[in-house]
């Protein structure tokens, strides 16, 4: 069984609109706020993507993360400037987004 990975550092770079993560294995990620908003896995966002298909508009490029709430040892809840706060981002999901940047 693979060991769980967790961030050793998590910084919300509001000015640069990036979530900067240093993982406990030394890997780093710089995830744009707009990408994180677009990749939200909450049921509302997933349903909208399924219904809209490829025609769905991406969230505004100027969206930002206003707040980060820890969700146990599991991950974080991201609160966005467009008031969206339904998504929970598990550590494994955030790590998988490395290929999206």
PDB file of N, CA and C in Angstrom:
ATOM      1  N   UNK A   1       0.839  -1.186   0.000  1.00  0.00           N
ATOM      2  CA  UNK A   1       0.000   0.000   0.000  1.00  0.00           C
ATOM      3  C   UNK A   1       0.881   1.245   0.000  1.00  0.00           C
ATOM      4  N   UNK A   2       0.533   2.197  -0.846  1.00  0.00           N
ATOM      5  CA  UNK A   2       1.306   3.419  -0.974  1.00  0.00           C
ATOM      6  C   UNK A   2       1.051   4.335   0.220  1.00  0.00           C
ATOM      7  N   UNK A   3       2.115   4.964   0.721  1.00  0.00           N
ATOM      8  CA  UNK A   3       1.988   5.879   1.858  1.00  0.00           C
ATOM      9  C   UNK A   3       1.249   7.142   1.429  1.00  0.00           C
ATOM     10  N   UNK A   4       0.423   7.661   2.313  1.00  0.00           N
ATOM     11  CA  UNK A   4      -0.304   8.899   2.040  1.00  0.00           C
ATOM     12  C   UNK A   4       0.672  10.059   1.960  1.00  0.00           C
ATOM     13  N   UNK A   5       0.392  10.969   1.057  1.00  0.00           N
ATOM     14  CA  UNK A   5       1.241  12.143   0.903  1.00  0.00           C
ATOM     15  C   UNK A   5       0.493  13.368   1.406  1.00  0.00           C
ATOM     16  N   UNK A   6       1.215  14.238   2.055  1.00  0.00           N
ATOM     17  CA  UNK A   6       0.628  15.454   2.617  1.00  0.00           C
ATOM     18  C   UNK A   6       1.530  16.635   2.309  1.00  0.00           C
ATOM     19  N   UNK A   7       0.957  17.832   2.287  1.00  0.00           N
ATOM     20  CA  UNK A   7       1.804  19.003   2.074  1.00  0.00           C
ATOM     21  C   UNK A   7       2.563  19.371   3.346  1.00  0.00           C
ATOM     22  N   UNK A   8       3.801  19.772   3.171  1.00  0.00           N
ATOM     23  CA  UNK A   8       4.541  20.314   4.309  1.00  0.00           C
ATOM     24  C   UNK A   8       4.340  21.826   4.381  1.00  0.00           C
ATOM     25  N   UNK A   9       4.033  22.433   3.228  1.00  0.00           N
ATOM     26  CA  UNK A   9       3.757  23.871   3.160  1.00  0.00           C
ATOM     27  C   UNK A   9       2.627  24.107   2.173  1.00  0.00           C
ATOM     28  N   UNK A  10       1.689  24.947   2.563  1.00  0.00           N
ATOM     29  CA  UNK A  10       0.562  25.319   1.707  1.00  0.00           C
ATOM     30  C   UNK A  10       0.395  26.825   1.835  1.00  0.00           C
ATOM     31  N   UNK A  11       0.628  27.550   0.734  1.00  0.00           N
ATOM     32  CA  UNK A  11       0.582  29.012   0.770  1.00  0.00           C
ATOM     33  C   UNK A  11      -0.385  29.518  -0.290  1.00  0.00           C
ATOM     34  N   UNK A  12      -1.310  30.360   0.125  1.00  0.00           N
ATOM     35  CA  UNK A  12      -2.227  31.002  -0.802  1.00  0.00           C
ATOM     36  C   UNK A  12      -1.596  32.315  -1.264  1.00  0.00           C
ATOM     37  N   UNK A  13      -1.042  32.309  -2.465  1.00  0.00           N
ATOM     38  CA  UNK A  13      -0.429  33.496  -3.051  1.00  0.00           C
ATOM     39  C   UNK A  13      -1.537  34.287  -3.738  1.00  0.00           C
ATOM     40  N   UNK A  14      -2.184  35.162  -2.998  1.00  0.00           N
ATOM     41  CA  UNK A  14      -3.340  35.895  -3.526  1.00  0.00           C
ATOM     42  C   UNK A  14      -2.954  36.837  -4.657  1.00  0.00           C
ATOM     43  N   UNK A  15      -1.838  37.520  -4.509  1.00  0.00           N
ATOM     44  CA  UNK A  15      -1.423  38.474  -5.541  1.00  0.00           C
ATOM     45  C   UNK A  15      -1.155  37.755  -6.860  1.00  0.00           C
ATOM     46  N   UNK A  16      -0.477  36.624  -6.798  1.00  0.00           N
ATOM     47  CA  UNK A  16      -0.186  35.848  -8.005  1.00  0.00           C
ATOM     48  C   UNK A  16      -1.299  34.901  -8.402  1.00  0.00           C
ATOM     49  N   UNK A  17      -2.344  34.829  -7.563  1.00  0.00           N
ATOM     50  CA  UNK A  17      -3.486  33.927  -7.780  1.00  0.00           C
ATOM     51  C   UNK A  17      -3.030  32.487  -7.999  1.00  0.00           C
ATOM     52  N   UNK A  18      -2.170  32.032  -7.081  1.00  0.00           N
ATOM     53  CA  UNK A  18      -1.652  30.671  -7.125  1.00  0.00           C
ATOM     54  C   UNK A  18      -1.728  30.053  -5.737  1.00  0.00           C
ATOM     55  N   UNK A  19      -1.967  28.751  -5.718  1.00  0.00           N
ATOM     56  CA  UNK A  19      -1.854  27.975  -4.494  1.00  0.00           C
ATOM     57  C   UNK A  19      -0.516  27.253  -4.597  1.00  0.00           C
ATOM     58  N   UNK A  20       0.407  27.598  -3.723  1.00  0.00           N
ATOM     59  CA  UNK A  20       1.754  27.034  -3.749  1.00  0.00           C
ATOM     60  C   UNK A  20       1.847  25.925  -2.713  1.00  0.00           C
ATOM     61  N   UNK A  21       2.236  24.738  -3.171  1.00  0.00           N
ATOM     62  CA  UNK A  21       2.300  23.567  -2.303  1.00  0.00           C
ATOM     63  C   UNK A  21       3.687  22.957  -2.374  1.00  0.00           C
ATOM     64  N   UNK A  22       4.254  22.684  -1.206  1.00  0.00           N
ATOM     65  CA  UNK A  22       5.463  21.864  -1.115  1.00  0.00           C
ATOM     66  C   UNK A  22       5.022  20.592  -0.400  1.00  0.00           C
ATOM     67  N   UNK A  23       5.192  19.456  -1.084  1.00  0.00           N
ATOM     68  CA  UNK A  23       4.778  18.171  -0.538  1.00  0.00           C
ATOM     69  C   UNK A  23       5.873  17.593   0.343  1.00  0.00           C
ATOM     70  N   UNK A  24       5.475  16.686   1.229  1.00  0.00           N
ATOM     71  CA  UNK A  24       6.445  16.133   2.174  1.00  0.00           C
ATOM     72  C   UNK A  24       7.522  15.276   1.511  1.00  0.00           C
ATOM     73  N   UNK A  25       7.370  14.981   0.217  1.00  0.00           N
ATOM     74  CA  UNK A  25       8.428  14.275  -0.509  1.00  0.00           C
ATOM     75  C   UNK A  25       9.333  15.236  -1.281  1.00  0.00           C
ATOM     76  N   UNK A  26       9.123  16.562  -1.089  1.00  0.00           N
ATOM     77  CA  UNK A  26       9.961  17.569  -1.722  1.00  0.00           C
ATOM     78  C   UNK A  26       9.434  18.117  -3.035  1.00  0.00           C
ATOM     79  N   UNK A  27       8.426  17.488  -3.625  1.00  0.00           N
ATOM     80  CA  UNK A  27       7.833  17.992  -4.868  1.00  0.00           C
ATOM     81  C   UNK A  27       7.117  19.315  -4.589  1.00  0.00           C
ATOM     82  N   UNK A  28       7.106  20.197  -5.583  1.00  0.00           N
ATOM     83  CA  UNK A  28       6.396  21.472  -5.449  1.00  0.00           C
ATOM     84  C   UNK A  28       5.359  21.600  -6.554  1.00  0.00           C
ATOM     85  N   UNK A  29       4.314  22.348  -6.248  1.00  0.00           N
ATOM     86  CA  UNK A  29       3.255  22.652  -7.206  1.00  0.00           C
ATOM     87  C   UNK A  29       2.867  24.108  -7.051  1.00  0.00           C
ATOM     88  N   UNK A  30       2.497  24.708  -8.169  1.00  0.00           N
ATOM     89  CA  UNK A  30       1.965  26.063  -8.196  1.00  0.00           C
ATOM     90  C   UNK A  30       0.677  25.983  -9.019  1.00  0.00           C
ATOM     91  N   UNK A  31      -0.445  25.930  -8.321  1.00  0.00           N
ATOM     92  CA  UNK A  31      -1.739  25.714  -8.976  1.00  0.00           C
ATOM     93  C   UNK A  31      -2.508  27.037  -9.080  1.00  0.00           C
ATOM     94  N   UNK A  32      -2.839  27.457 -10.308  1.00  0.00           N
ATOM     95  CA  UNK A  32      -3.611  28.693 -10.474  1.00  0.00           C
ATOM     96  C   UNK A  32      -4.985  28.584  -9.819  1.00  0.00           C
ATOM     97  N   UNK A  33      -5.406  29.665  -9.180  1.00  0.00           N
ATOM     98  CA  UNK A  33      -6.719  29.691  -8.547  1.00  0.00           C
ATOM     99  C   UNK A  33      -7.813  29.359  -9.558  1.00  0.00           C
ATOM    100  N   UNK A  34      -7.720  29.903 -10.782  1.00  0.00           N
ATOM    101  CA  UNK A  34      -8.750  29.652 -11.798  1.00  0.00           C
ATOM    102  C   UNK A  34      -8.822  28.168 -12.162  1.00  0.00           C
ATOM    103  N   UNK A  35      -7.681  27.494 -12.221  1.00  0.00           N
ATOM    104  CA  UNK A  35      -7.674  26.051 -12.503  1.00  0.00           C
ATOM    105  C   UNK A  35      -8.376  25.293 -11.382  1.00  0.00           C
ATOM    106  N   UNK A  36      -8.063  25.637 -10.147  1.00  0.00           N
ATOM    107  CA  UNK A  36      -8.686  24.956  -9.015  1.00  0.00           C
ATOM    108  C   UNK A  36     -10.198  25.168  -9.014  1.00  0.00           C
ATOM    109  N   UNK A  37     -10.632  26.370  -9.338  1.00  0.00           N
ATOM    110  CA  UNK A  37     -12.080  26.637  -9.399  1.00  0.00           C
ATOM    111  C   UNK A  37     -12.712  25.825 -10.527  1.00  0.00           C
ATOM    112  N   UNK A  38     -12.052  25.778 -11.674  1.00  0.00           N
ATOM    113  CA  UNK A  38     -12.577  25.048 -12.827  1.00  0.00           C
ATOM    114  C   UNK A  38     -12.613  23.543 -12.594  1.00  0.00           C
ATOM    115  N   UNK A  39     -11.724  23.042 -11.741  1.00  0.00           N
ATOM    116  CA  UNK A  39     -11.634  21.603 -11.497  1.00  0.00           C
ATOM    117  C   UNK A  39     -12.351  21.166 -10.222  1.00  0.00           C
ATOM    118  N   UNK A  40     -13.219  22.011  -9.693  1.00  0.00           N
ATOM    119  CA  UNK A  40     -13.966  21.668  -8.487  1.00  0.00           C
ATOM    120  C   UNK A  40     -14.735  20.367  -8.715  1.00  0.00           C
ATOM    121  N   UNK A  41     -14.675  19.475  -7.724  1.00  0.00           N
ATOM    122  CA  UNK A  41     -15.315  18.165  -7.832  1.00  0.00           C
ATOM    123  C   UNK A  41     -16.626  18.077  -7.058  1.00  0.00           C
ATOM    124  N   UNK A  42     -17.176  19.209  -6.604  1.00  0.00           N
ATOM    125  CA  UNK A  42     -18.456  19.132  -5.888  1.00  0.00           C
ATOM    126  C   UNK A  42     -19.539  18.670  -6.855  1.00  0.00           C
ATOM    127  N   UNK A  43     -20.623  18.175  -6.317  1.00  0.00           N
ATOM    128  CA  UNK A  43     -21.684  17.619  -7.164  1.00  0.00           C
ATOM    129  C   UNK A  43     -22.305  18.670  -8.085  1.00  0.00           C
ATOM    130  N   UNK A  44     -22.424  19.898  -7.623  1.00  0.00           N
ATOM    131  CA  UNK A  44     -23.000  20.957  -8.453  1.00  0.00           C
ATOM    132  C   UNK A  44     -22.113  21.203  -9.671  1.00  0.00           C
ATOM    133  N   UNK A  45     -20.812  21.374  -9.453  1.00  0.00           N
ATOM    134  CA  UNK A  45     -19.898  21.652 -10.564  1.00  0.00           C
ATOM    135  C   UNK A  45     -19.796  20.459 -11.513  1.00  0.00           C
ATOM    136  N   UNK A  46     -19.741  19.263 -10.963  1.00  0.00           N
ATOM    137  CA  UNK A  46     -19.667  18.087 -11.829  1.00  0.00           C
ATOM    138  C   UNK A  46     -20.930  17.954 -12.676  1.00  0.00           C
ATOM    139  N   UNK A  47     -22.091  18.207 -12.084  1.00  0.00           N
ATOM    140  CA  UNK A  47     -23.352  18.141 -12.832  1.00  0.00           C
ATOM    141  C   UNK A  47     -23.380  19.193 -13.933  1.00  0.00           C
ATOM    142  N   UNK A  48     -22.931  20.404 -13.622  1.00  0.00           N
ATOM    143  CA  UNK A  48     -22.908  21.464 -14.634  1.00  0.00           C
ATOM    144  C   UNK A  48     -21.992  21.100 -15.791  1.00  0.00           C
ATOM    145  N   UNK A  49     -20.828  20.511 -15.480  1.00  0.00           N
ATOM    146  CA  UNK A  49     -19.909  20.098 -16.543  1.00  0.00           C
ATOM    147  C   UNK A  49     -20.527  19.005 -17.406  1.00  0.00           C
ATOM    148  N   UNK A  50     -21.204  18.056 -16.787  1.00  0.00           N
ATOM    149  CA  UNK A  50     -21.836  16.976 -17.553  1.00  0.00           C
ATOM    150  C   UNK A  50     -22.943  17.503 -18.454  1.00  0.00           C
ATOM    151  N   UNK A  51     -23.759  18.410 -17.932  1.00  0.00           N
ATOM    152  CA  UNK A  51     -24.867  18.957 -18.706  1.00  0.00           C
ATOM    153  C   UNK A  51     -24.395  19.875 -19.824  1.00  0.00           C
ATOM    154  N   UNK A  52     -23.360  20.653 -19.564  1.00  0.00           N
ATOM    155  CA  UNK A  52     -22.877  21.619 -20.543  1.00  0.00           C
ATOM    156  C   UNK A  52     -21.889  21.009 -21.526  1.00  0.00           C
ATOM    157  N   UNK A  53     -21.235  19.929 -21.140  1.00  0.00           N
ATOM    158  CA  UNK A  53     -20.224  19.326 -22.002  1.00  0.00           C
ATOM    159  C   UNK A  53     -19.093  20.294 -22.257  1.00  0.00           C
ATOM    160  N   UNK A  54     -18.586  20.293 -23.450  1.00  0.00           N
ATOM    161  CA  UNK A  54     -17.443  21.142 -23.809  1.00  0.00           C
ATOM    162  C   UNK A  54     -17.816  22.614 -23.885  1.00  0.00           C
ATOM    163  N   UNK A  55     -19.104  22.914 -23.930  1.00  0.00           N
ATOM    164  CA  UNK A  55     -19.542  24.300 -24.084  1.00  0.00           C
ATOM    165  C   UNK A  55     -19.470  25.108 -22.798  1.00  0.00           C
ATOM    166  N   UNK A  56     -19.169  24.464 -21.687  1.00  0.00           N
ATOM    167  CA  UNK A  56     -19.156  25.188 -20.420  1.00  0.00           C
ATOM    168  C   UNK A  56     -18.058  26.234 -20.388  1.00  0.00           C
ATOM    169  N   UNK A  57     -18.422  27.424 -19.981  1.00  0.00           N
ATOM    170  CA  UNK A  57     -17.445  28.497 -19.856  1.00  0.00           C
ATOM    171  C   UNK A  57     -16.586  28.271 -18.617  1.00  0.00           C
ATOM    172  N   UNK A  58     -15.341  28.607 -18.743  1.00  0.00           N
ATOM    173  CA  UNK A  58     -14.420  28.505 -17.611  1.00  0.00           C
ATOM    174  C   UNK A  58     -14.713  29.635 -16.632  1.00  0.00           C
ATOM    175  N   UNK A  59     -14.416  29.438 -15.348  1.00  0.00           N
ATOM    176  CA  UNK A  59     -14.573  30.534 -14.396  1.00  0.00           C
ATOM    177  C   UNK A  59     -13.688  31.717 -14.797  1.00  0.00           C
ATOM    178  N   UNK A  60     -14.061  32.865 -14.333  1.00  0.00           N
ATOM    179  CA  UNK A  60     -13.299  34.074 -14.622  1.00  0.00           C
ATOM    180  C   UNK A  60     -11.833  33.886 -14.252  1.00  0.00           C
ATOM    181  N   UNK A  61     -10.947  34.387 -15.078  1.00  0.00           N
ATOM    182  CA  UNK A  61      -9.504  34.261 -14.828  1.00  0.00           C
ATOM    183  C   UNK A  61      -9.097  35.001 -13.561  1.00  0.00           C
ATOM    184  N   UNK A  62      -9.885  36.001 -13.161  1.00  0.00           N
ATOM    185  CA  UNK A  62      -9.498  36.774 -11.984  1.00  0.00           C
ATOM    186  C   UNK A  62     -10.060  36.204 -10.679  1.00  0.00           C
ATOM    187  N   UNK A  63     -10.667  35.004 -10.733  1.00  0.00           N
ATOM    188  CA  UNK A  63     -11.149  34.373  -9.509  1.00  0.00           C
ATOM    189  C   UNK A  63      -9.962  34.100  -8.594  1.00  0.00           C
ATOM    190  N   UNK A  64     -10.192  34.214  -7.311  1.00  0.00           N
ATOM    191  CA  UNK A  64      -9.104  33.968  -6.359  1.00  0.00           C
ATOM    192  C   UNK A  64      -9.632  33.162  -5.178  1.00  0.00           C
ATOM    193  N   UNK A  65      -8.714  32.558  -4.470  1.00  0.00           N
ATOM    194  CA  UNK A  65      -9.053  31.854  -3.236  1.00  0.00           C
ATOM    195  C   UNK A  65      -8.989  32.874  -2.109  1.00  0.00           C
ATOM    196  N   UNK A  66     -10.106  33.058  -1.433  1.00  0.00           N
ATOM    197  CA  UNK A  66     -10.165  34.006  -0.320  1.00  0.00           C
ATOM    198  C   UNK A  66      -9.853  33.348   1.019  1.00  0.00           C
ATOM    199  N   UNK A  67     -10.138  32.052   1.120  1.00  0.00           N
ATOM    200  CA  UNK A  67      -9.949  31.366   2.403  1.00  0.00           C
ATOM    201  C   UNK A  67      -9.686  29.887   2.152  1.00  0.00           C
ATOM    202  N   UNK A  68      -8.892  29.297   3.032  1.00  0.00           N
ATOM    203  CA  UNK A  68      -8.609  27.866   2.979  1.00  0.00           C
ATOM    204  C   UNK A  68      -8.976  27.289   4.337  1.00  0.00           C
ATOM    205  N   UNK A  69      -9.815  26.262   4.323  1.00  0.00           N
ATOM    206  CA  UNK A  69     -10.213  25.589   5.569  1.00  0.00           C
ATOM    207  C   UNK A  69      -9.696  24.154   5.547  1.00  0.00           C
ATOM    208  N   UNK A  70      -9.005  23.784   6.596  1.00  0.00           N
ATOM    209  CA  UNK A  70      -8.498  22.418   6.731  1.00  0.00           C
ATOM    210  C   UNK A  70      -9.664  21.463   6.934  1.00  0.00           C
ATOM    211  N   UNK A  71      -9.619  20.311   6.266  1.00  0.00           N
ATOM    212  CA  UNK A  71     -10.632  19.271   6.434  1.00  0.00           C
ATOM    213  C   UNK A  71      -9.904  18.049   6.985  1.00  0.00           C
ATOM    214  N   UNK A  72      -9.739  18.024   8.284  1.00  0.00           N
ATOM    215  CA  UNK A  72      -9.015  16.935   8.943  1.00  0.00           C
ATOM    216  C   UNK A  72      -7.647  16.736   8.330  1.00  0.00           C
ATOM    217  N   UNK A  73      -7.227  15.491   8.213  1.00  0.00           N
ATOM    218  CA  UNK A  73      -5.954  15.168   7.566  1.00  0.00           C
ATOM    219  C   UNK A  73      -6.173  14.865   6.090  1.00  0.00           C
ATOM    220  N   UNK A  74      -7.370  15.027   5.629  1.00  0.00           N
ATOM    221  CA  UNK A  74      -7.841  14.611   4.317  1.00  0.00           C
ATOM    222  C   UNK A  74      -7.505  15.591   3.197  1.00  0.00           C
ATOM    223  N   UNK A  75      -7.680  16.885   3.473  1.00  0.00           N
ATOM    224  CA  UNK A  75      -7.488  17.892   2.437  1.00  0.00           C
ATOM    225  C   UNK A  75      -7.950  19.257   2.911  1.00  0.00           C
ATOM    226  N   UNK A  76      -8.407  20.086   1.950  1.00  0.00           N
ATOM    227  CA  UNK A  76      -8.844  21.445   2.269  1.00  0.00           C
ATOM    228  C   UNK A  76     -10.130  21.779   1.527  1.00  0.00           C
ATOM    229  N   UNK A  77     -10.853  22.723   2.108  1.00  0.00           N
ATOM    230  CA  UNK A  77     -12.000  23.329   1.446  1.00  0.00           C
ATOM    231  C   UNK A  77     -11.529  24.700   1.000  1.00  0.00           C
ATOM    232  N   UNK A  78     -11.738  25.014  -0.263  1.00  0.00           N
ATOM    233  CA  UNK A  78     -11.308  26.301  -0.798  1.00  0.00           C
ATOM    234  C   UNK A  78     -12.523  27.201  -0.977  1.00  0.00           C
ATOM    235  N   UNK A  79     -12.403  28.421  -0.465  1.00  0.00           N
ATOM    236  CA  UNK A  79     -13.474  29.408  -0.572  1.00  0.00           C
ATOM    237  C   UNK A  79     -13.017  30.431  -1.611  1.00  0.00           C
ATOM    238  N   UNK A  80     -13.774  30.543  -2.709  1.00  0.00           N
ATOM    239  CA  UNK A  80     -13.384  31.397  -3.827  1.00  0.00           C
ATOM    240  C   UNK A  80     -14.077  32.748  -3.787  1.00  0.00           C
ATOM    241  N   UNK A  81     -13.500  33.707  -4.506  1.00  0.00           N
ATOM    242  CA  UNK A  81     -14.034  35.064  -4.544  1.00  0.00           C
ATOM    243  C   UNK A  81     -15.411  35.140  -5.197  1.00  0.00           C
ATOM    244  N   UNK A  82     -15.791  34.130  -5.980  1.00  0.00           N
ATOM    245  CA  UNK A  82     -17.139  34.111  -6.565  1.00  0.00           C
ATOM    246  C   UNK A  82     -18.149  33.477  -5.606  1.00  0.00           C
ATOM    247  N   UNK A  83     -17.728  33.293  -4.355  1.00  0.00           N
ATOM    248  CA  UNK A  83     -18.538  32.767  -3.247  1.00  0.00           C
ATOM    249  C   UNK A  83     -18.745  31.258  -3.310  1.00  0.00           C
ATOM    250  N   UNK A  84     -18.083  30.589  -4.230  1.00  0.00           N
ATOM    251  CA  UNK A  84     -18.195  29.130  -4.306  1.00  0.00           C
ATOM    252  C   UNK A  84     -17.376  28.510  -3.181  1.00  0.00           C
ATOM    253  N   UNK A  85     -18.014  27.618  -2.409  1.00  0.00           N
ATOM    254  CA  UNK A  85     -17.313  27.002  -1.280  1.00  0.00           C
ATOM    255  C   UNK A  85     -17.737  25.557  -1.057  1.00  0.00           C
ATOM    256  N   UNK A  86     -18.261  24.912  -2.068  1.00  0.00           N
ATOM    257  CA  UNK A  86     -18.785  23.552  -1.907  1.00  0.00           C
ATOM    258  C   UNK A  86     -17.736  22.470  -2.060  1.00  0.00           C
ATOM    259  N   UNK A  87     -16.668  22.756  -2.776  1.00  0.00           N
ATOM    260  CA  UNK A  87     -15.700  21.717  -3.093  1.00  0.00           C
ATOM    261  C   UNK A  87     -14.712  21.438  -1.974  1.00  0.00           C
ATOM    262  N   UNK A  88     -14.415  20.157  -1.794  1.00  0.00           N
ATOM    263  CA  UNK A  88     -13.339  19.732  -0.901  1.00  0.00           C
ATOM    264  C   UNK A  88     -12.265  19.132  -1.789  1.00  0.00           C
ATOM    265  N   UNK A  89     -11.048  19.555  -1.566  1.00  0.00           N
ATOM    266  CA  UNK A  89      -9.920  19.147  -2.392  1.00  0.00           C
ATOM    267  C   UNK A  89      -9.012  18.235  -1.569  1.00  0.00           C
ATOM    268  N   UNK A  90      -9.165  16.914  -1.743  1.00  0.00           N
ATOM    269  CA  UNK A  90      -8.285  15.977  -1.030  1.00  0.00           C
ATOM    270  C   UNK A  90      -6.841  16.159  -1.505  1.00  0.00           C
ATOM    271  N   UNK A  91      -5.912  15.839  -0.619  1.00  0.00           N
ATOM    272  CA  UNK A  91      -4.489  15.964  -0.964  1.00  0.00           C
ATOM    273  C   UNK A  91      -4.169  15.191  -2.236  1.00  0.00           C
ATOM    274  N   UNK A  92      -4.698  13.988  -2.384  1.00  0.00           N
ATOM    275  CA  UNK A  92      -4.387  13.182  -3.569  1.00  0.00           C
ATOM    276  C   UNK A  92      -4.901  13.842  -4.844  1.00  0.00           C
ATOM    277  N   UNK A  93      -6.051  14.506  -4.754  1.00  0.00           N
ATOM    278  CA  UNK A  93      -6.593  15.192  -5.921  1.00  0.00           C
ATOM    279  C   UNK A  93      -5.726  16.393  -6.288  1.00  0.00           C
ATOM    280  N   UNK A  94      -5.342  17.185  -5.281  1.00  0.00           N
ATOM    281  CA  UNK A  94      -4.469  18.335  -5.558  1.00  0.00           C
ATOM    282  C   UNK A  94      -3.176  17.874  -6.212  1.00  0.00           C
ATOM    283  N   UNK A  95      -2.605  16.814  -5.702  1.00  0.00           N
ATOM    284  CA  UNK A  95      -1.354  16.289  -6.259  1.00  0.00           C
ATOM    285  C   UNK A  95      -1.560  15.853  -7.704  1.00  0.00           C
ATOM    286  N   UNK A  96      -2.709  15.268  -8.018  1.00  0.00           N
ATOM    287  CA  UNK A  96      -2.967  14.797  -9.383  1.00  0.00           C
ATOM    288  C   UNK A  96      -3.106  15.950 -10.371  1.00  0.00           C
ATOM    289  N   UNK A  97      -3.391  17.153  -9.894  1.00  0.00           N
ATOM    290  CA  UNK A  97      -3.547  18.303 -10.776  1.00  0.00           C
ATOM    291  C   UNK A  97      -2.207  18.813 -11.310  1.00  0.00           C
ATOM    292  N   UNK A  98      -1.105  18.229 -10.901  1.00  0.00           N
ATOM    293  CA  UNK A  98       0.208  18.640 -11.389  1.00  0.00           C
ATOM    294  C   UNK A  98       0.275  18.561 -12.911  1.00  0.00           C
ATOM    295  N   UNK A  99      -0.396  17.589 -13.482  1.00  0.00           N
ATOM    296  CA  UNK A  99      -0.360  17.427 -14.935  1.00  0.00           C
ATOM    297  C   UNK A  99      -1.211  18.468 -15.653  1.00  0.00           C
ATOM    298  N   UNK A 100      -2.041  19.191 -14.920  1.00  0.00           N
ATOM    299  CA  UNK A 100      -2.919  20.202 -15.524  1.00  0.00           C
ATOM    300  C   UNK A 100      -2.234  21.551 -15.669  1.00  0.00           C
ATOM    301  N   UNK A 101      -1.103  21.737 -14.997  1.00  0.00           N
ATOM    302  CA  UNK A 101      -0.458  23.063 -15.012  1.00  0.00           C
ATOM    303  C   UNK A 101       0.661  23.127 -16.012  1.00  0.00           C
TER     304      UNK A 101
END
